Amino acid sequence: MSPVFWALLCAEGIGSLISAVLFGLDKIRAKRRMRRIRERTLLLATWLFGAPGALVGLAVFRHKTQHPVFVISAAAAFFLQAGLLVASAVLLKQ
C-alpha cells in the first residue's frame, strides 16, 4: 500500500475518534443541560475524516438520530471517505 493510503487511514482513525468523542460529549452535555457543542462543529468533525466515528456516535449514544441532516451527512461522508481510501489503495499502488 502507498504512503498516501496509510496517511489517509491514520487521518480517518484519528478523525473518527474525535468525532465519536464529540458526539458522546454533546449527549452528556444535553442530558445535564449544559452548554452544547455547535451542530456546525459536529458536522465539520464528520466531514474531516470523522464519518465512521460520527456513525458510531449516532448509533451508540443515540444522539442526533432524529435530525436527518446528521444521518444523511454522516452516511454521505462515510461513502465519500471510503471511496477515497479505496481509490488511494488502487490508484497509488507501489
N, C-alpha and C. Protein backbone atom coordinates (compact mmCIF):
# COMPACT_ATOMS: atom_id res chain seq x y z
N MET A 1 0.83 -1.19 0.00
CA MET A 1 0.00 0.00 0.00
C MET A 1 0.87 1.25 0.00
N SER A 2 0.34 2.29 -0.56
CA SER A 2 1.11 3.52 -0.69
C SER A 2 1.10 4.31 0.62
N PRO A 3 2.07 5.19 0.79
CA PRO A 3 2.11 6.04 1.98
C PRO A 3 0.87 6.95 2.07
N VAL A 4 0.32 7.32 0.92
CA VAL A 4 -0.88 8.16 0.93
C VAL A 4 -2.04 7.39 1.56
N PHE A 5 -2.16 6.11 1.23
CA PHE A 5 -3.21 5.28 1.81
C PHE A 5 -3.08 5.25 3.33
N TRP A 6 -1.86 5.00 3.81
CA TRP A 6 -1.66 4.91 5.26
C TRP A 6 -1.90 6.25 5.95
N ALA A 7 -1.54 7.34 5.30
CA ALA A 7 -1.79 8.66 5.87
C ALA A 7 -3.30 8.92 5.95
N LEU A 8 -4.03 8.56 4.89
CA LEU A 8 -5.49 8.73 4.91
C LEU A 8 -6.13 7.84 5.96
N LEU A 9 -5.62 6.62 6.10
CA LEU A 9 -6.17 5.69 7.10
C LEU A 9 -5.94 6.21 8.51
N CYS A 10 -4.76 6.75 8.77
CA CYS A 10 -4.48 7.34 10.09
C CYS A 10 -5.37 8.56 10.34
N ALA A 11 -5.53 9.40 9.34
CA ALA A 11 -6.39 10.57 9.47
C ALA A 11 -7.83 10.14 9.75
N GLU A 12 -8.26 9.08 9.08
CA GLU A 12 -9.62 8.55 9.29
C GLU A 12 -9.78 8.04 10.73
N GLY A 13 -8.78 7.35 11.22
CA GLY A 13 -8.85 6.82 12.58
C GLY A 13 -8.89 7.92 13.63
N ILE A 14 -8.00 8.89 13.49
CA ILE A 14 -7.94 9.99 14.45
C ILE A 14 -9.20 10.85 14.35
N GLY A 15 -9.62 11.15 13.13
CA GLY A 15 -10.84 11.95 12.93
C GLY A 15 -12.07 11.25 13.48
N SER A 16 -12.13 9.94 13.30
CA SER A 16 -13.28 9.18 13.80
C SER A 16 -13.32 9.16 15.32
N LEU A 17 -12.16 9.03 15.94
CA LEU A 17 -12.11 9.06 17.39
C LEU A 17 -12.58 10.41 17.92
N ILE A 18 -12.10 11.48 17.32
CA ILE A 18 -12.51 12.82 17.73
C ILE A 18 -14.01 13.01 17.52
N SER A 19 -14.51 12.58 16.39
CA SER A 19 -15.92 12.73 16.08
C SER A 19 -16.81 11.97 17.06
N ALA A 20 -16.45 10.73 17.36
CA ALA A 20 -17.23 9.92 18.29
C ALA A 20 -17.23 10.55 19.69
N VAL A 21 -16.08 11.04 20.11
CA VAL A 21 -15.98 11.69 21.43
C VAL A 21 -16.85 12.95 21.46
N LEU A 22 -16.83 13.73 20.39
CA LEU A 22 -17.65 14.94 20.35
C LEU A 22 -19.14 14.62 20.45
N PHE A 23 -19.58 13.59 19.73
CA PHE A 23 -20.99 13.20 19.80
C PHE A 23 -21.36 12.74 21.22
N GLY A 24 -20.48 11.95 21.82
CA GLY A 24 -20.74 11.49 23.19
C GLY A 24 -20.75 12.63 24.18
N LEU A 25 -19.80 13.53 24.04
CA LEU A 25 -19.73 14.69 24.94
C LEU A 25 -20.96 15.57 24.80
N ASP A 26 -21.41 15.77 23.57
CA ASP A 26 -22.60 16.58 23.36
C ASP A 26 -23.83 15.92 23.97
N LYS A 27 -23.91 14.61 23.90
CA LYS A 27 -25.04 13.89 24.51
C LYS A 27 -25.02 14.07 26.03
N ILE A 28 -23.85 13.97 26.63
CA ILE A 28 -23.73 14.16 28.09
C ILE A 28 -24.13 15.58 28.46
N ARG A 29 -23.65 16.54 27.69
CA ARG A 29 -23.99 17.94 27.96
C ARG A 29 -25.48 18.20 27.78
N ALA A 30 -26.10 17.54 26.82
CA ALA A 30 -27.54 17.71 26.61
C ALA A 30 -28.32 17.18 27.81
N LYS A 31 -27.92 16.05 28.32
CA LYS A 31 -28.62 15.47 29.48
C LYS A 31 -28.47 16.34 30.72
N ARG A 32 -27.31 16.96 30.87
CA ARG A 32 -27.05 17.79 32.05
C ARG A 32 -27.46 19.24 31.86
N ARG A 33 -28.06 19.54 30.71
CA ARG A 33 -28.49 20.90 30.38
C ARG A 33 -27.35 21.91 30.46
N MET A 34 -26.20 21.48 29.96
CA MET A 34 -25.02 22.34 29.92
C MET A 34 -24.89 22.94 28.52
N ARG A 35 -23.91 23.80 28.36
CA ARG A 35 -23.64 24.41 27.06
C ARG A 35 -23.24 23.31 26.07
N ARG A 36 -23.89 23.32 24.91
CA ARG A 36 -23.74 22.25 23.93
C ARG A 36 -22.64 22.55 22.92
N ILE A 37 -22.24 21.49 22.22
CA ILE A 37 -21.30 21.62 21.11
C ILE A 37 -22.12 22.04 19.89
N ARG A 38 -21.63 23.01 19.14
CA ARG A 38 -22.38 23.50 17.98
C ARG A 38 -22.58 22.39 16.96
N GLU A 39 -23.74 22.42 16.32
CA GLU A 39 -24.02 21.44 15.27
C GLU A 39 -23.02 21.58 14.13
N ARG A 40 -22.61 22.79 13.86
CA ARG A 40 -21.61 23.04 12.81
C ARG A 40 -20.30 22.30 13.13
N THR A 41 -19.92 22.29 14.40
CA THR A 41 -18.70 21.60 14.82
C THR A 41 -18.84 20.09 14.64
N LEU A 42 -20.00 19.55 15.00
CA LEU A 42 -20.24 18.11 14.83
C LEU A 42 -20.20 17.73 13.36
N LEU A 43 -20.80 18.54 12.52
CA LEU A 43 -20.79 18.25 11.09
C LEU A 43 -19.39 18.41 10.49
N LEU A 44 -18.66 19.40 10.94
CA LEU A 44 -17.29 19.59 10.46
C LEU A 44 -16.41 18.40 10.85
N ALA A 45 -16.56 17.93 12.07
CA ALA A 45 -15.80 16.76 12.51
C ALA A 45 -16.17 15.53 11.68
N THR A 46 -17.43 15.43 11.30
CA THR A 46 -17.88 14.32 10.47
C THR A 46 -17.22 14.35 9.11
N TRP A 47 -17.18 15.52 8.49
CA TRP A 47 -16.64 15.62 7.13
C TRP A 47 -15.13 15.64 7.09
N LEU A 48 -14.46 15.98 8.19
CA LEU A 48 -12.99 15.97 8.21
C LEU A 48 -12.49 14.61 8.69
N PHE A 49 -12.73 13.61 7.89
CA PHE A 49 -12.28 12.24 8.13
C PHE A 49 -12.84 11.63 9.41
N GLY A 50 -14.05 12.04 9.82
CA GLY A 50 -14.62 11.50 11.03
C GLY A 50 -15.96 10.81 10.83
N ALA A 51 -16.28 10.42 9.61
CA ALA A 51 -17.59 9.83 9.35
C ALA A 51 -17.83 8.51 10.09
N PRO A 52 -16.87 7.58 10.11
CA PRO A 52 -17.13 6.34 10.87
C PRO A 52 -17.40 6.63 12.35
N GLY A 53 -16.65 7.55 12.92
CA GLY A 53 -16.87 7.91 14.32
C GLY A 53 -18.22 8.59 14.54
N ALA A 54 -18.63 9.39 13.58
CA ALA A 54 -19.94 10.04 13.67
C ALA A 54 -21.05 9.00 13.62
N LEU A 55 -20.91 8.02 12.74
CA LEU A 55 -21.92 6.95 12.67
C LEU A 55 -21.96 6.15 13.96
N VAL A 56 -20.79 5.91 14.53
CA VAL A 56 -20.74 5.21 15.83
C VAL A 56 -21.40 6.07 16.90
N GLY A 57 -21.09 7.37 16.89
CA GLY A 57 -21.70 8.28 17.86
C GLY A 57 -23.21 8.35 17.72
N LEU A 58 -23.69 8.36 16.50
CA LEU A 58 -25.13 8.37 16.26
C LEU A 58 -25.77 7.10 16.82
N ALA A 59 -25.14 5.96 16.58
CA ALA A 59 -25.73 4.68 16.98
C ALA A 59 -25.57 4.40 18.47
N VAL A 60 -24.37 4.56 18.99
CA VAL A 60 -24.09 4.19 20.38
C VAL A 60 -24.78 5.15 21.35
N PHE A 61 -24.64 6.42 21.10
CA PHE A 61 -25.20 7.42 22.02
C PHE A 61 -26.65 7.78 21.69
N ARG A 62 -27.15 7.26 20.56
CA ARG A 62 -28.49 7.60 20.07
C ARG A 62 -28.70 9.11 20.13
N HIS A 63 -27.73 9.79 19.55
CA HIS A 63 -27.72 11.25 19.61
C HIS A 63 -27.80 11.82 18.21
N LYS A 64 -28.68 12.76 18.01
CA LYS A 64 -28.90 13.44 16.73
C LYS A 64 -29.49 12.52 15.67
N THR A 65 -30.08 11.41 16.05
CA THR A 65 -30.65 10.49 15.08
C THR A 65 -31.97 10.99 14.51
N GLN A 66 -32.60 11.93 15.17
CA GLN A 66 -33.86 12.48 14.68
C GLN A 66 -33.64 13.66 13.73
N HIS A 67 -32.38 14.03 13.54
CA HIS A 67 -32.04 15.13 12.65
C HIS A 67 -31.53 14.55 11.33
N PRO A 68 -32.34 14.59 10.28
CA PRO A 68 -31.92 13.99 9.01
C PRO A 68 -30.59 14.53 8.47
N VAL A 69 -30.28 15.78 8.75
CA VAL A 69 -29.04 16.35 8.23
C VAL A 69 -27.83 15.58 8.79
N PHE A 70 -27.90 15.12 10.01
CA PHE A 70 -26.78 14.38 10.59
C PHE A 70 -26.69 12.97 10.04
N VAL A 71 -27.80 12.31 9.93
CA VAL A 71 -27.81 10.93 9.43
C VAL A 71 -27.36 10.89 7.97
N ILE A 72 -27.95 11.75 7.14
CA ILE A 72 -27.61 11.77 5.72
C ILE A 72 -26.18 12.24 5.52
N SER A 73 -25.78 13.26 6.25
CA SER A 73 -24.43 13.79 6.11
C SER A 73 -23.38 12.77 6.53
N ALA A 74 -23.62 12.08 7.63
CA ALA A 74 -22.66 11.06 8.10
C ALA A 74 -22.56 9.92 7.10
N ALA A 75 -23.69 9.49 6.56
CA ALA A 75 -23.67 8.41 5.57
C ALA A 75 -22.95 8.84 4.29
N ALA A 76 -23.25 10.04 3.81
CA ALA A 76 -22.61 10.54 2.59
C ALA A 76 -21.10 10.71 2.80
N ALA A 77 -20.72 11.26 3.95
CA ALA A 77 -19.30 11.44 4.24
C ALA A 77 -18.59 10.09 4.35
N PHE A 78 -19.27 9.12 4.93
CA PHE A 78 -18.68 7.78 5.07
C PHE A 78 -18.37 7.18 3.70
N PHE A 79 -19.35 7.23 2.80
CA PHE A 79 -19.13 6.65 1.48
C PHE A 79 -18.06 7.41 0.70
N LEU A 80 -18.03 8.71 0.84
CA LEU A 80 -17.00 9.51 0.18
C LEU A 80 -15.62 9.17 0.72
N GLN A 81 -15.50 9.08 2.03
CA GLN A 81 -14.21 8.78 2.65
C GLN A 81 -13.77 7.35 2.36
N ALA A 82 -14.71 6.42 2.35
CA ALA A 82 -14.37 5.03 2.00
C ALA A 82 -13.91 4.95 0.55
N GLY A 83 -14.59 5.67 -0.33
CA GLY A 83 -14.18 5.71 -1.73
C GLY A 83 -12.79 6.31 -1.90
N LEU A 84 -12.49 7.33 -1.12
CA LEU A 84 -11.18 7.95 -1.18
C LEU A 84 -10.10 6.96 -0.75
N LEU A 85 -10.37 6.19 0.30
CA LEU A 85 -9.41 5.18 0.75
C LEU A 85 -9.21 4.10 -0.31
N VAL A 86 -10.30 3.61 -0.87
CA VAL A 86 -10.20 2.57 -1.90
C VAL A 86 -9.45 3.10 -3.12
N ALA A 87 -9.79 4.31 -3.53
CA ALA A 87 -9.12 4.91 -4.69
C ALA A 87 -7.63 5.08 -4.44
N SER A 88 -7.26 5.49 -3.23
CA SER A 88 -5.84 5.67 -2.94
C SER A 88 -5.11 4.33 -2.91
N ALA A 89 -5.81 3.29 -2.47
CA ALA A 89 -5.19 1.95 -2.45
C ALA A 89 -5.03 1.39 -3.86
N VAL A 90 -6.00 1.62 -4.70
CA VAL A 90 -5.99 1.03 -6.05
C VAL A 90 -5.13 1.87 -7.01
N LEU A 91 -5.31 3.16 -6.99
CA LEU A 91 -4.65 4.01 -7.97
C LEU A 91 -3.19 4.30 -7.65
N LEU A 92 -2.83 4.26 -6.38
CA LEU A 92 -1.48 4.63 -5.99
C LEU A 92 -0.66 3.42 -5.54
N LYS A 93 -0.87 2.27 -6.15
CA LYS A 93 -0.09 1.09 -5.81
C LYS A 93 1.38 1.31 -6.12
N GLN A 94 2.20 0.84 -5.20
CA GLN A 94 3.64 0.96 -5.44
C GLN A 94 4.32 -0.36 -5.17
